[in-house]
C-alpha atoms as a PDB file:
ATOM      1  CA  MET A   1       0.000   0.000   0.000  1.00  0.00           C
ATOM      2  CA  TRP A   2       2.828   2.445   0.844  1.00  0.00           C
ATOM      3  CA  PHE A   3       4.404   2.204  -2.576  1.00  0.00           C
ATOM      4  CA  ARG A   4       1.061   2.415  -4.346  1.00  0.00           C
ATOM      5  CA  ILE A   5       0.262   5.689  -2.575  1.00  0.00           C
ATOM      6  CA  LEU A   6       3.723   7.138  -3.153  1.00  0.00           C
ATOM      7  CA  SER A   7       3.647   6.115  -6.801  1.00  0.00           C
ATOM      8  CA  LEU A   8       0.239   7.745  -7.245  1.00  0.00           C
ATOM      9  CA  VAL A   9       1.514  10.927  -5.576  1.00  0.00           C
ATOM     10  CA  ILE A  10       4.438  11.045  -8.013  1.00  0.00           C
ATOM     11  CA  ALA A  11       2.128  10.344 -10.952  1.00  0.00           C
ATOM     12  CA  THR A  12      -0.341  13.018  -9.893  1.00  0.00           C
ATOM     13  CA  ALA A  13       2.373  15.633  -9.443  1.00  0.00           C
ATOM     14  CA  LEU A  14       3.987  14.920 -12.807  1.00  0.00           C
ATOM     15  CA  VAL A  15       0.737  14.741 -14.764  1.00  0.00           C
ATOM     16  CA  ALA A  16      -0.650  17.878 -13.081  1.00  0.00           C
ATOM     17  CA  LYS A  17       2.517  19.894 -13.742  1.00  0.00           C
ATOM     18  CA  ALA A  18       2.649  18.759 -17.371  1.00  0.00           C
ATOM     19  CA  ALA A  19      -1.068  19.335 -17.935  1.00  0.00           C
ATOM     20  CA  ILE A  20      -0.920  22.867 -16.526  1.00  0.00           C
ATOM     21  CA  ALA A  21       2.196  23.709 -18.544  1.00  0.00           C
ATOM     22  CA  LEU A  22       0.755  22.272 -21.754  1.00  0.00           C
ATOM     23  CA  SER A  23      -2.658  23.881 -21.325  1.00  0.00           C
ATOM     24  CA  MET A  24      -1.354  27.419 -20.744  1.00  0.00           C
ATOM     25  CA  PRO A  25       2.332  27.490 -21.693  1.00  0.00           C
ATOM     26  CA  GLY A  26       2.651  31.263 -22.114  1.00  0.00           C
ATOM     27  CA  ARG A  27       1.466  32.076 -18.632  1.00  0.00           C
ATOM     28  CA  PHE A  28       3.181  29.083 -16.984  1.00  0.00           C
ATOM     29  CA  TYR A  29       6.601  29.703 -18.503  1.00  0.00           C
ATOM     30  CA  ALA A  30       6.407  33.475 -18.069  1.00  0.00           C
ATOM     31  CA  GLU A  31       6.052  32.836 -14.324  1.00  0.00           C
ATOM     32  CA  ARG A  32       8.937  30.365 -14.426  1.00  0.00           C
ATOM     33  CA  GLN A  33      11.125  32.910 -16.209  1.00  0.00           C
ATOM     34  CA  ARG A  34      10.343  35.463 -13.481  1.00  0.00           C
ATOM     35  CA  GLN A  35      11.290  32.915 -10.813  1.00  0.00           C
ATOM     36  CA  TYR A  36      14.580  32.073 -12.491  1.00  0.00           C
ATOM     37  CA  ALA A  37      15.399  35.752 -13.001  1.00  0.00           C
ATOM     38  CA  SER A  38      15.455  36.202  -9.207  1.00  0.00           C
ATOM     39  CA  GLU A  39      18.856  36.379  -7.497  1.00  0.00           C
ATOM     40  CA  SER A  40      17.627  34.290  -4.574  1.00  0.00           C
ATOM     41  CA  PRO A  41      15.117  31.439  -4.614  1.00  0.00           C
ATOM     42  CA  PRO A  42      11.553  32.747  -4.247  1.00  0.00           C
ATOM     43  CA  ALA A  43       9.947  31.731  -0.954  1.00  0.00           C
ATOM     44  CA  ARG A  44       7.337  29.544  -2.614  1.00  0.00           C
ATOM     45  CA  LEU A  45      10.093  27.472  -4.227  1.00  0.00           C
ATOM     46  CA  LEU A  46      11.267  26.469  -0.758  1.00  0.00           C
ATOM     47  CA  VAL A  47       8.117  24.453  -0.003  1.00  0.00           C
ATOM     48  CA  PRO A  48       8.441  21.685  -2.643  1.00  0.00           C
ATOM     49  CA  PRO A  49      11.871  20.491  -1.419  1.00  0.00           C
ATOM     50  CA  ILE A  50      10.450  20.057   2.092  1.00  0.00           C
ATOM     51  CA  VAL A  51       7.549  18.014   0.726  1.00  0.00           C
ATOM     52  CA  ILE A  52       9.867  15.963  -1.480  1.00  0.00           C
ATOM     53  CA  PHE A  53      12.208  15.211   1.435  1.00  0.00           C
ATOM     54  CA  ALA A  54       9.219  14.084   3.515  1.00  0.00           C
ATOM     55  CA  LEU A  55       8.075  11.796   0.697  1.00  0.00           C
ATOM     56  CA  ALA A  56      11.601  10.411   0.284  1.00  0.00           C
ATOM     57  CA  LEU A  57      11.798   9.656   4.012  1.00  0.00           C
ATOM     58  CA  THR A  58       8.410   7.948   3.776  1.00  0.00           C
ATOM     59  CA  ALA A  59       9.670   5.877   0.844  1.00  0.00           C
ATOM     60  CA  TRP A  60      12.725   4.810   2.819  1.00  0.00           C
ATOM     61  CA  TYR A  61      10.518   3.885   5.753  1.00  0.00           C
ATOM     62  CA  ALA A  62       8.374   1.786   3.423  1.00  0.00           C
ATOM     63  CA  THR A  63      11.464   0.195   1.884  1.00  0.00           C
ATOM     64  CA  VAL A  64      12.862  -0.842   5.255  1.00  0.00           C
ATOM     65  CA  PHE A  65       9.667  -1.858   7.066  1.00  0.00           C
ATOM     66  CA  HIS A  66       7.170  -2.700   4.300  1.00  0.00           C
ATOM     67  CA  TYR A  67       9.361  -4.083   1.541  1.00  0.00           C
ATOM     68  CA  ARG A  68       7.782  -4.809  -1.825  1.00  0.00           C
ATOM     69  CA  PRO A  69       9.460  -5.996  -5.003  1.00  0.00           C
ATOM     70  CA  TRP A  70       9.975  -3.060  -7.348  1.00  0.00           C
ATOM     71  CA  GLY A  71       9.601  -0.621  -4.461  1.00  0.00           C
ATOM     72  CA  TRP A  72      13.134   0.527  -5.165  1.00  0.00           C
ATOM     73  CA  ILE A  73      11.830   2.403  -8.225  1.00  0.00           C
ATOM     74  CA  VAL A  74       9.764   4.733  -6.054  1.00  0.00           C
ATOM     75  CA  THR A  75      12.448   5.019  -3.363  1.00  0.00           C
ATOM     76  CA  ALA A  76      15.219   5.747  -5.873  1.00  0.00           C
ATOM     77  CA  SER A  77      13.074   8.257  -7.770  1.00  0.00           C
ATOM     78  CA  LEU A  78      12.100  10.191  -4.658  1.00  0.00           C
ATOM     79  CA  THR A  79      15.650  10.077  -3.294  1.00  0.00           C
ATOM     80  CA  ALA A  80      17.045  11.432  -6.578  1.00  0.00           C
ATOM     81  CA  LEU A  81      14.371  14.123  -6.650  1.00  0.00           C
ATOM     82  CA  ALA A  82      15.125  15.118  -3.042  1.00  0.00           C
ATOM     83  CA  LEU A  83      18.851  15.328  -3.734  1.00  0.00           C
ATOM     84  CA  GLY A  84      18.153  17.318  -6.894  1.00  0.00           C
ATOM     85  CA  SER A  85      16.004  19.731  -4.888  1.00  0.00           C
ATOM     86  CA  ALA A  86      18.779  20.216  -2.357  1.00  0.00           C
ATOM     87  CA  HIS A  87      21.271  20.762  -5.152  1.00  0.00           C
ATOM     88  CA  THR A  88      18.966  23.338  -6.733  1.00  0.00           C
ATOM     89  CA  LEU A  89      18.718  25.326  -3.515  1.00  0.00           C
ATOM     90  CA  LEU A  90      22.418  25.109  -2.722  1.00  0.00           C
ATOM     91  CA  ARG A  91      23.510  26.040  -6.242  1.00  0.00           C
ATOM     92  CA  TRP A  92      20.701  28.488  -7.064  1.00  0.00           C
ATOM     93  CA  GLN A  93      22.855  30.915  -9.087  1.00  0.00           C
ATOM     94  CA  THR A  94      24.069  28.251 -11.511  1.00  0.00           C
ATOM     95  CA  HIS A  95      20.726  26.452 -11.601  1.00  0.00           C
ATOM     96  CA  ARG A  96      18.666  29.543 -12.292  1.00  0.00           C
ATOM     97  CA  GLN A  97      20.839  30.559 -15.242  1.00  0.00           C
ATOM     98  CA  SER A  98      20.603  27.107 -16.810  1.00  0.00           C
ATOM     99  CA  LEU A  99      16.865  26.781 -16.290  1.00  0.00           C
ATOM    100  CA  HIS A 100      16.164  30.319 -17.436  1.00  0.00           C
ATOM    101  CA  ARG A 101      17.544  29.318 -20.845  1.00  0.00           C
ATOM    102  CA  VAL A 102      15.509  26.104 -20.834  1.00  0.00           C
ATOM    103  CA  VAL A 103      12.156  27.750 -20.063  1.00  0.00           C
ATOM    104  CA  ALA A 104      12.823  30.466 -22.646  1.00  0.00           C
ATOM    105  CA  ASN A 105      13.196  27.810 -25.367  1.00  0.00           C
ATOM    106  CA  PRO A 106      10.063  27.495 -27.545  1.00  0.00           C
ATOM    107  CA  ASN A 107      10.451  23.696 -27.563  1.00  0.00           C
ATOM    108  CA  VAL A 108      10.167  23.388 -23.787  1.00  0.00           C
ATOM    109  CA  TRP A 109       6.779  21.695 -24.284  1.00  0.00           C
ATOM    110  CA  ARG A 110       8.687  18.513 -25.164  1.00  0.00           C
ATOM    111  CA  ILE A 111       9.854  18.241 -21.561  1.00  0.00           C
ATOM    112  CA  ASP A 112       6.234  18.411 -20.431  1.00  0.00           C
ATOM    113  CA  CYS A 113       5.333  15.600 -22.821  1.00  0.00           C
ATOM    114  CA  VAL A 114       8.084  13.469 -21.265  1.00  0.00           C
ATOM    115  CA  LEU A 115       6.795  14.325 -17.767  1.00  0.00           C
ATOM    116  CA  LEU A 116       3.302  13.316 -18.869  1.00  0.00           C
ATOM    117  CA  GLY A 117       4.644   9.947 -20.041  1.00  0.00           C
ATOM    118  CA  VAL A 118       6.667   9.357 -16.875  1.00  0.00           C
ATOM    119  CA  GLY A 119       3.614  10.257 -14.783  1.00  0.00           C
ATOM    120  CA  ALA A 120       1.575   7.708 -16.720  1.00  0.00           C
ATOM    121  CA  LEU A 121       4.271   5.083 -16.053  1.00  0.00           C
ATOM    122  CA  PHE A 122       4.141   5.767 -12.315  1.00  0.00           C
ATOM    123  CA  ALA A 123       0.342   5.515 -12.414  1.00  0.00           C
ATOM    124  CA  ALA A 124       0.615   2.181 -14.230  1.00  0.00           C
ATOM    125  CA  LEU A 125       3.200   1.040 -11.684  1.00  0.00           C
ATOM    126  CA  ALA A 126       0.787   1.891  -8.865  1.00  0.00           C
ATOM    127  CA  VAL A 127      -2.131   0.095 -10.482  1.00  0.00           C
ATOM    128  CA  PHE A 128      -0.480  -2.994 -11.952  1.00  0.00           C
ATOM    129  CA  VAL A 129       2.575  -3.682  -9.749  1.00  0.00           C
ATOM    130  CA  TYR A 130       1.799  -2.467  -6.248  1.00  0.00           C
END
């Protein structure tokens, strides 16, 4: 049950982000460009890393105490995402410059299509494996 819930949380987050970005890309990426133009991380960008770390800790708890085959996919994904979030905050100046170029690219919608596909894979993992 733990991995099913965590997998559905990942799937929901990825599909929701991709759906919002694909449905109104101008507005979504204009906001992202404003965020990445900031010298310091905006306050609302500090909340997701906290949530991701909590989910990663939950995944590790589930891995240790409620082991399931293929649970490592969820645990590894959340751990990588948590470490990436920490890296983003610690290296904001470098990260913001790189991502500012990415979100300014007119082909950024391709990333959202990939996120949509990965979200669907996590949903399928939750339904068919866990």
